[in-house]
Amino acid sequence: MSKSEILAFLNNHRRVRVATIEGNVPHVRSCWLHKADENGIVLHTFKNKDLYKQLCENPKVELAVDDSPNGIRHGDPRYHDQIAEVTQIRVSGTIEWVEDKQLEAEILAECPTVKQQVEQGHEVTVYRLRKGLATVWTLDYEFEIKSFIEL
């Protein structure tokens, strides 16, 4: 995939897993990707969340996004056929905090639950993964040497 194809994929499959490290322990959670473009991958969190604390302590992350259909279950007779169609993109790098009221307003307009949480007093913060290194996985390339594309 090219850089533009990866950015399009990320914008079309916006549930992302964010991996962080706290101390010596890895943590992964699902988050919502706001957008991915030439300026980086934009996400958000709240300042009272563990994710925020972990990112402050260690801003290195890996993101994983895939296009798997809902409901793939191991043991389902269709599992192997379904997993054979999945594409996953992983992006690693270092996040930066973004002070941008326009981006924050876009996120609040796009996601009513985030807006509601802000109205309840939770402070949202925006972060960006700029110049991350992306690699693409499909079952066809499972044992190939990984190649990386700078986003």
N, C-alpha and C. Protein backbone atom coordinates (compact mmCIF):
# COMPACT_ATOMS: atom_id res chain seq x y z
N MET A 1 0.84 -1.19 0.00
CA MET A 1 0.00 0.00 0.00
C MET A 1 0.89 1.25 0.00
N SER A 2 0.41 2.26 -0.67
CA SER A 2 1.11 3.54 -0.67
C SER A 2 0.70 4.36 0.56
N LYS A 3 1.40 5.44 0.81
CA LYS A 3 1.07 6.32 1.92
C LYS A 3 -0.37 6.82 1.80
N SER A 4 -0.78 7.26 0.63
CA SER A 4 -2.15 7.77 0.46
C SER A 4 -3.18 6.66 0.66
N GLU A 5 -2.88 5.45 0.24
CA GLU A 5 -3.80 4.33 0.45
C GLU A 5 -3.91 3.99 1.94
N ILE A 6 -2.80 4.07 2.66
CA ILE A 6 -2.82 3.80 4.11
C ILE A 6 -3.65 4.86 4.82
N LEU A 7 -3.44 6.14 4.48
CA LEU A 7 -4.23 7.20 5.11
C LEU A 7 -5.71 7.02 4.82
N ALA A 8 -6.07 6.66 3.60
CA ALA A 8 -7.48 6.41 3.26
C ALA A 8 -8.03 5.24 4.07
N PHE A 9 -7.24 4.17 4.20
CA PHE A 9 -7.66 3.01 4.98
C PHE A 9 -7.94 3.42 6.43
N LEU A 10 -7.02 4.20 7.01
CA LEU A 10 -7.20 4.64 8.40
C LEU A 10 -8.45 5.48 8.56
N ASN A 11 -8.73 6.35 7.61
CA ASN A 11 -9.92 7.20 7.69
C ASN A 11 -11.21 6.41 7.47
N ASN A 12 -11.12 5.28 6.82
CA ASN A 12 -12.30 4.45 6.58
C ASN A 12 -12.53 3.39 7.66
N HIS A 13 -11.54 3.15 8.50
CA HIS A 13 -11.63 2.15 9.57
C HIS A 13 -11.09 2.80 10.84
N ARG A 14 -11.94 3.53 11.53
CA ARG A 14 -11.46 4.46 12.54
C ARG A 14 -11.42 3.91 13.96
N ARG A 15 -11.84 2.68 14.17
CA ARG A 15 -11.63 2.08 15.49
C ARG A 15 -10.19 1.59 15.53
N VAL A 16 -9.43 2.15 16.45
CA VAL A 16 -8.00 1.88 16.51
C VAL A 16 -7.66 1.33 17.89
N ARG A 17 -6.71 0.42 17.93
CA ARG A 17 -6.18 -0.04 19.22
C ARG A 17 -4.90 0.74 19.47
N VAL A 18 -4.78 1.28 20.66
CA VAL A 18 -3.61 2.06 21.04
C VAL A 18 -2.86 1.26 22.10
N ALA A 19 -1.60 0.97 21.83
CA ALA A 19 -0.75 0.25 22.78
C ALA A 19 0.21 1.23 23.42
N THR A 20 0.28 1.18 24.76
CA THR A 20 1.18 2.01 25.55
C THR A 20 1.93 1.12 26.53
N ILE A 21 2.87 1.73 27.21
CA ILE A 21 3.61 1.04 28.27
C ILE A 21 3.50 1.87 29.53
N GLU A 22 3.20 1.23 30.64
CA GLU A 22 3.23 1.89 31.95
C GLU A 22 4.18 1.08 32.81
N GLY A 23 5.30 1.72 33.19
CA GLY A 23 6.34 0.96 33.87
C GLY A 23 6.89 -0.06 32.90
N ASN A 24 6.70 -1.30 33.20
CA ASN A 24 7.15 -2.38 32.33
C ASN A 24 5.99 -3.21 31.81
N VAL A 25 4.77 -2.66 31.93
CA VAL A 25 3.56 -3.42 31.60
C VAL A 25 2.88 -2.80 30.37
N PRO A 26 2.63 -3.60 29.32
CA PRO A 26 1.93 -3.08 28.15
C PRO A 26 0.42 -2.96 28.42
N HIS A 27 -0.19 -1.98 27.79
CA HIS A 27 -1.64 -1.77 27.88
C HIS A 27 -2.17 -1.49 26.48
N VAL A 28 -3.30 -2.07 26.14
CA VAL A 28 -3.94 -1.84 24.84
C VAL A 28 -5.40 -1.54 25.09
N ARG A 29 -5.90 -0.55 24.34
CA ARG A 29 -7.33 -0.25 24.42
C ARG A 29 -7.79 0.25 23.07
N SER A 30 -9.10 0.14 22.82
CA SER A 30 -9.69 0.66 21.60
C SER A 30 -9.99 2.14 21.79
N CYS A 31 -9.73 2.90 20.76
CA CYS A 31 -10.01 4.33 20.76
C CYS A 31 -10.62 4.68 19.40
N TRP A 32 -11.00 5.94 19.26
CA TRP A 32 -11.58 6.43 18.02
C TRP A 32 -10.60 7.37 17.35
N LEU A 33 -10.23 7.05 16.13
CA LEU A 33 -9.33 7.88 15.34
C LEU A 33 -10.13 9.04 14.76
N HIS A 34 -9.73 10.26 15.01
CA HIS A 34 -10.44 11.41 14.46
C HIS A 34 -10.15 11.57 12.98
N LYS A 35 -8.88 11.60 12.62
CA LYS A 35 -8.53 11.67 11.20
C LYS A 35 -7.06 11.35 11.02
N ALA A 36 -6.74 10.98 9.79
CA ALA A 36 -5.36 10.71 9.40
C ALA A 36 -5.10 11.46 8.10
N ASP A 37 -4.05 12.28 8.10
CA ASP A 37 -3.71 13.03 6.90
C ASP A 37 -2.21 13.31 6.88
N GLU A 38 -1.78 14.19 5.99
CA GLU A 38 -0.36 14.51 5.85
C GLU A 38 0.25 15.07 7.14
N ASN A 39 -0.61 15.57 8.06
CA ASN A 39 -0.11 16.14 9.32
C ASN A 39 -0.02 15.10 10.43
N GLY A 40 -0.47 13.87 10.18
CA GLY A 40 -0.39 12.82 11.18
C GLY A 40 -1.74 12.19 11.46
N ILE A 41 -1.77 11.37 12.49
CA ILE A 41 -2.98 10.66 12.93
C ILE A 41 -3.44 11.32 14.21
N VAL A 42 -4.68 11.81 14.20
CA VAL A 42 -5.21 12.58 15.32
C VAL A 42 -6.18 11.73 16.14
N LEU A 43 -5.95 11.70 17.47
CA LEU A 43 -6.82 11.00 18.40
C LEU A 43 -7.05 11.91 19.61
N HIS A 44 -7.85 11.44 20.54
CA HIS A 44 -8.10 12.23 21.75
C HIS A 44 -8.24 11.29 22.94
N THR A 45 -8.11 11.86 24.11
CA THR A 45 -8.40 11.16 25.35
C THR A 45 -8.81 12.20 26.38
N PHE A 46 -9.05 11.77 27.58
CA PHE A 46 -9.40 12.69 28.66
C PHE A 46 -8.26 12.70 29.67
N LYS A 47 -8.06 13.84 30.29
CA LYS A 47 -6.93 14.00 31.20
C LYS A 47 -7.05 13.18 32.47
N ASN A 48 -8.25 12.67 32.78
CA ASN A 48 -8.40 11.84 33.97
C ASN A 48 -8.32 10.34 33.65
N LYS A 49 -7.91 9.98 32.44
CA LYS A 49 -7.84 8.58 32.03
C LYS A 49 -6.41 8.03 32.20
N ASP A 50 -6.32 6.72 32.39
CA ASP A 50 -5.01 6.06 32.46
C ASP A 50 -4.22 6.29 31.17
N LEU A 51 -4.89 6.30 30.03
CA LEU A 51 -4.21 6.51 28.76
C LEU A 51 -3.43 7.82 28.78
N TYR A 52 -4.04 8.88 29.26
CA TYR A 52 -3.37 10.18 29.32
C TYR A 52 -2.11 10.09 30.19
N LYS A 53 -2.25 9.48 31.35
CA LYS A 53 -1.11 9.35 32.26
C LYS A 53 0.01 8.53 31.59
N GLN A 54 -0.35 7.45 30.93
CA GLN A 54 0.64 6.61 30.28
C GLN A 54 1.35 7.35 29.15
N LEU A 55 0.59 8.13 28.37
CA LEU A 55 1.19 8.88 27.27
C LEU A 55 2.10 10.00 27.78
N CYS A 56 1.75 10.58 28.92
CA CYS A 56 2.61 11.61 29.51
C CYS A 56 3.94 11.00 29.97
N GLU A 57 3.88 9.80 30.53
CA GLU A 57 5.09 9.14 31.01
C GLU A 57 5.95 8.59 29.88
N ASN A 58 5.30 8.08 28.84
CA ASN A 58 6.02 7.49 27.71
C ASN A 58 5.19 7.72 26.45
N PRO A 59 5.56 8.68 25.62
CA PRO A 59 4.75 9.02 24.45
C PRO A 59 4.90 8.07 23.26
N LYS A 60 5.64 6.98 23.43
CA LYS A 60 5.79 6.01 22.33
C LYS A 60 4.56 5.08 22.31
N VAL A 61 4.01 4.89 21.12
CA VAL A 61 2.81 4.07 20.96
C VAL A 61 2.93 3.20 19.72
N GLU A 62 2.03 2.23 19.66
CA GLU A 62 1.76 1.53 18.42
C GLU A 62 0.25 1.51 18.27
N LEU A 63 -0.21 1.83 17.07
CA LEU A 63 -1.63 1.79 16.75
C LEU A 63 -1.87 0.60 15.83
N ALA A 64 -3.01 -0.03 15.97
CA ALA A 64 -3.40 -1.12 15.07
C ALA A 64 -4.83 -0.88 14.62
N VAL A 65 -5.04 -0.93 13.31
CA VAL A 65 -6.35 -0.74 12.71
C VAL A 65 -6.56 -1.88 11.72
N ASP A 66 -7.74 -2.48 11.72
CA ASP A 66 -8.02 -3.52 10.74
C ASP A 66 -9.43 -3.36 10.19
N ASP A 67 -9.69 -4.09 9.14
CA ASP A 67 -11.00 -4.04 8.49
C ASP A 67 -11.80 -5.32 8.71
N SER A 68 -11.53 -6.00 9.82
CA SER A 68 -12.25 -7.26 10.09
C SER A 68 -13.74 -6.97 10.31
N PRO A 69 -14.58 -7.84 9.77
CA PRO A 69 -16.02 -7.65 10.00
C PRO A 69 -16.36 -7.95 11.45
N ASN A 70 -17.41 -7.33 11.92
CA ASN A 70 -17.87 -7.63 13.28
C ASN A 70 -18.26 -9.09 13.37
N GLY A 71 -17.93 -9.70 14.47
CA GLY A 71 -18.42 -11.04 14.71
C GLY A 71 -17.52 -12.17 14.27
N ILE A 72 -16.29 -11.90 13.86
CA ILE A 72 -15.39 -13.03 13.56
C ILE A 72 -15.10 -13.74 14.88
N ARG A 73 -15.40 -15.00 14.93
CA ARG A 73 -15.18 -15.78 16.15
C ARG A 73 -14.38 -17.04 15.81
N HIS A 74 -13.33 -17.28 16.57
CA HIS A 74 -12.57 -18.51 16.38
C HIS A 74 -13.50 -19.68 16.66
N GLY A 75 -13.43 -20.68 15.86
CA GLY A 75 -14.33 -21.82 15.99
C GLY A 75 -15.49 -21.75 15.01
N ASP A 76 -15.81 -20.57 14.54
CA ASP A 76 -16.83 -20.40 13.51
C ASP A 76 -16.30 -21.06 12.24
N PRO A 77 -17.09 -21.87 11.55
CA PRO A 77 -16.59 -22.55 10.35
C PRO A 77 -16.11 -21.58 9.27
N ARG A 78 -16.57 -20.33 9.31
CA ARG A 78 -16.16 -19.34 8.32
C ARG A 78 -14.93 -18.55 8.77
N TYR A 79 -14.40 -18.84 9.96
CA TYR A 79 -13.32 -18.04 10.54
C TYR A 79 -12.14 -17.89 9.59
N HIS A 80 -11.61 -18.98 9.07
CA HIS A 80 -10.42 -18.92 8.24
C HIS A 80 -10.68 -18.19 6.93
N ASP A 81 -11.87 -18.36 6.37
CA ASP A 81 -12.21 -17.60 5.16
C ASP A 81 -12.29 -16.11 5.46
N GLN A 82 -12.87 -15.76 6.61
CA GLN A 82 -13.01 -14.36 6.96
C GLN A 82 -11.66 -13.73 7.30
N ILE A 83 -10.84 -14.41 8.05
CA ILE A 83 -9.55 -13.85 8.45
C ILE A 83 -8.62 -13.70 7.24
N ALA A 84 -8.81 -14.53 6.23
CA ALA A 84 -8.00 -14.44 5.03
C ALA A 84 -8.24 -13.13 4.28
N GLU A 85 -9.37 -12.49 4.54
CA GLU A 85 -9.72 -11.23 3.87
C GLU A 85 -9.30 -10.00 4.66
N VAL A 86 -8.80 -10.16 5.87
CA VAL A 86 -8.51 -9.03 6.76
C VAL A 86 -7.19 -8.36 6.39
N THR A 87 -7.22 -7.03 6.43
CA THR A 87 -6.01 -6.22 6.31
C THR A 87 -5.83 -5.49 7.64
N GLN A 88 -4.61 -5.49 8.15
CA GLN A 88 -4.30 -4.75 9.37
C GLN A 88 -3.14 -3.81 9.08
N ILE A 89 -3.27 -2.59 9.59
CA ILE A 89 -2.18 -1.62 9.50
C ILE A 89 -1.74 -1.29 10.90
N ARG A 90 -0.44 -1.37 11.13
CA ARG A 90 0.14 -0.97 12.42
C ARG A 90 1.03 0.23 12.20
N VAL A 91 0.94 1.19 13.10
CA VAL A 91 1.73 2.41 12.99
C VAL A 91 2.40 2.66 14.33
N SER A 92 3.71 2.80 14.33
CA SER A 92 4.43 3.06 15.57
C SER A 92 5.11 4.42 15.50
N GLY A 93 5.29 5.01 16.67
CA GLY A 93 5.96 6.30 16.72
C GLY A 93 5.74 6.97 18.06
N THR A 94 5.97 8.26 18.07
CA THR A 94 5.88 9.06 19.28
C THR A 94 4.79 10.12 19.10
N ILE A 95 3.88 10.21 20.06
CA ILE A 95 2.79 11.18 19.96
C ILE A 95 3.27 12.54 20.43
N GLU A 96 2.53 13.54 20.02
CA GLU A 96 2.73 14.90 20.51
C GLU A 96 1.37 15.44 20.91
N TRP A 97 1.36 16.24 21.94
CA TRP A 97 0.12 16.87 22.38
C TRP A 97 -0.19 18.05 21.47
N VAL A 98 -1.47 18.22 21.17
CA VAL A 98 -1.89 19.26 20.24
C VAL A 98 -2.81 20.24 20.94
N GLU A 99 -2.44 21.50 20.93
CA GLU A 99 -3.30 22.56 21.44
C GLU A 99 -3.94 23.22 20.23
N ASP A 100 -5.13 22.76 19.85
CA ASP A 100 -5.80 23.26 18.65
C ASP A 100 -7.30 23.23 18.91
N LYS A 101 -7.85 24.39 19.18
CA LYS A 101 -9.28 24.48 19.51
C LYS A 101 -10.16 24.05 18.34
N GLN A 102 -9.71 24.26 17.11
CA GLN A 102 -10.50 23.84 15.95
C GLN A 102 -10.59 22.31 15.89
N LEU A 103 -9.46 21.63 16.11
CA LEU A 103 -9.47 20.16 16.13
C LEU A 103 -10.37 19.65 17.26
N GLU A 104 -10.24 20.27 18.42
CA GLU A 104 -11.08 19.87 19.56
C GLU A 104 -12.55 20.07 19.23
N ALA A 105 -12.90 21.17 18.60
CA ALA A 105 -14.29 21.44 18.22
C ALA A 105 -14.79 20.41 17.20
N GLU A 106 -13.92 20.02 16.26
CA GLU A 106 -14.29 18.98 15.28
C GLU A 106 -14.62 17.67 15.99
N ILE A 107 -13.79 17.32 16.97
CA ILE A 107 -14.01 16.07 17.71
C ILE A 107 -15.32 16.13 18.48
N LEU A 108 -15.57 17.24 19.14
CA LEU A 108 -16.82 17.38 19.91
C LEU A 108 -18.03 17.35 19.00
N ALA A 109 -17.93 17.95 17.82
CA ALA A 109 -19.05 17.95 16.87
C ALA A 109 -19.29 16.56 16.30
N GLU A 110 -18.23 15.81 16.11
CA GLU A 110 -18.33 14.48 15.51
C GLU A 110 -18.85 13.43 16.50
N CYS A 111 -18.53 13.61 17.77
CA CYS A 111 -18.82 12.56 18.75
C CYS A 111 -19.62 13.12 19.92
N PRO A 112 -20.93 12.94 19.90
CA PRO A 112 -21.78 13.48 20.97
C PRO A 112 -21.43 12.96 22.36
N THR A 113 -20.93 11.74 22.46
CA THR A 113 -20.58 11.23 23.80
C THR A 113 -19.38 11.97 24.37
N VAL A 114 -18.43 12.33 23.53
CA VAL A 114 -17.28 13.11 24.00
C VAL A 114 -17.77 14.49 24.44
N LYS A 115 -18.63 15.10 23.63
CA LYS A 115 -19.18 16.41 23.99
C LYS A 115 -19.90 16.34 25.34
N GLN A 116 -20.69 15.30 25.53
CA GLN A 116 -21.42 15.13 26.79
C GLN A 116 -20.45 14.99 27.97
N GLN A 117 -19.37 14.24 27.78
CA GLN A 117 -18.39 14.08 28.86
C GLN A 117 -17.69 15.39 29.18
N VAL A 118 -17.41 16.19 28.17
CA VAL A 118 -16.81 17.51 28.40
C VAL A 118 -17.79 18.40 29.17
N GLU A 119 -19.07 18.33 28.79
CA GLU A 119 -20.09 19.12 29.49
C GLU A 119 -20.23 18.70 30.95
N GLN A 120 -19.86 17.46 31.25
CA GLN A 120 -19.90 16.96 32.63
C GLN A 120 -18.63 17.29 33.40
N GLY A 121 -17.70 18.01 32.75
CA GLY A 121 -16.51 18.47 33.45
C GLY A 121 -15.23 17.72 33.16
N HIS A 122 -15.26 16.73 32.26
CA HIS A 122 -14.04 15.99 31.90
C HIS A 122 -13.28 16.78 30.84
N GLU A 123 -11.97 16.90 31.02
CA GLU A 123 -11.16 17.70 30.11
C GLU A 123 -10.58 16.83 29.00
N VAL A 124 -10.98 17.12 27.77
CA VAL A 124 -10.49 16.37 26.63
C VAL A 124 -9.14 16.94 26.21
N THR A 125 -8.29 16.08 25.69
CA THR A 125 -7.01 16.52 25.15
C THR A 125 -6.76 15.77 23.85
N VAL A 126 -6.14 16.45 22.92
CA VAL A 126 -5.91 15.92 21.57
C VAL A 126 -4.43 15.59 21.42
N TYR A 127 -4.17 14.48 20.76
CA TYR A 127 -2.78 14.12 20.47
C TYR A 127 -2.66 13.63 19.04
N ARG A 128 -1.44 13.71 18.53
CA ARG A 128 -1.19 13.36 17.13
C ARG A 128 0.05 12.48 17.06
N LEU A 129 -0.03 11.47 16.22
CA LEU A 129 1.14 10.66 15.87
C LEU A 129 1.61 11.14 14.51
N ARG A 130 2.70 11.87 14.53
CA ARG A 130 3.25 12.45 13.30
C ARG A 130 4.46 11.63 12.87
N LYS A 131 4.60 11.41 11.58
CA LYS A 131 5.73 10.67 11.02
C LYS A 131 5.86 9.27 11.59
N GLY A 132 4.71 8.63 11.83
CA GLY A 132 4.74 7.25 12.29
C GLY A 132 5.22 6.32 11.19
N LEU A 133 5.69 5.16 11.58
CA LEU A 133 6.10 4.13 10.63
C LEU A 133 5.00 3.10 10.54
N ALA A 134 4.47 2.93 9.33
CA ALA A 134 3.34 2.02 9.11
C ALA A 134 3.80 0.76 8.41
N THR A 135 3.20 -0.34 8.81
CA THR A 135 3.39 -1.61 8.12
C THR A 135 2.03 -2.25 7.92
N VAL A 136 1.89 -2.97 6.82
CA VAL A 136 0.61 -3.57 6.45
C VAL A 136 0.73 -5.08 6.60
N TRP A 137 -0.31 -5.68 7.19
CA TRP A 137 -0.36 -7.14 7.34
C TRP A 137 -1.61 -7.67 6.67
N THR A 138 -1.43 -8.72 5.90
CA THR A 138 -2.53 -9.56 5.43
C THR A 138 -2.03 -11.00 5.53
N LEU A 139 -2.94 -11.93 5.48
CA LEU A 139 -2.54 -13.33 5.56
C LEU A 139 -1.58 -13.70 4.42
N ASP A 140 -1.75 -13.06 3.26
CA ASP A 140 -0.87 -13.33 2.12
C ASP A 140 0.59 -12.97 2.41
N TYR A 141 0.80 -11.98 3.28
CA TYR A 141 2.16 -11.50 3.57
C TYR A 141 2.63 -11.88 4.96
N GLU A 142 1.97 -12.84 5.59
CA GLU A 142 2.23 -13.15 6.99
C GLU A 142 3.70 -13.45 7.29
N PHE A 143 4.38 -14.12 6.38
CA PHE A 143 5.77 -14.50 6.65
C PHE A 143 6.79 -13.71 5.82
N GLU A 144 6.34 -12.64 5.18
CA GLU A 144 7.23 -11.78 4.41
C GLU A 144 8.00 -10.86 5.35
N ILE A 145 9.12 -10.36 4.91
CA ILE A 145 9.86 -9.36 5.66
C ILE A 145 9.04 -8.08 5.63
N LYS A 146 8.87 -7.46 6.79
CA LYS A 146 8.05 -6.26 6.88
C LYS A 146 8.72 -5.10 6.16
N SER A 147 7.89 -4.31 5.51
CA SER A 147 8.36 -3.04 4.97
C SER A 147 7.61 -1.92 5.70
N PHE A 148 8.23 -0.76 5.78
CA PHE A 148 7.64 0.34 6.54
C PHE A 148 7.52 1.57 5.66
N ILE A 149 6.44 2.31 5.88
CA ILE A 149 6.19 3.55 5.15
C ILE A 149 6.03 4.65 6.17
N GLU A 150 6.77 5.75 6.00
CA GLU A 150 6.61 6.87 6.92
C GLU A 150 5.37 7.65 6.54
N LEU A 151 4.53 7.88 7.53
CA LEU A 151 3.31 8.64 7.28
C LEU A 151 3.52 10.11 7.59
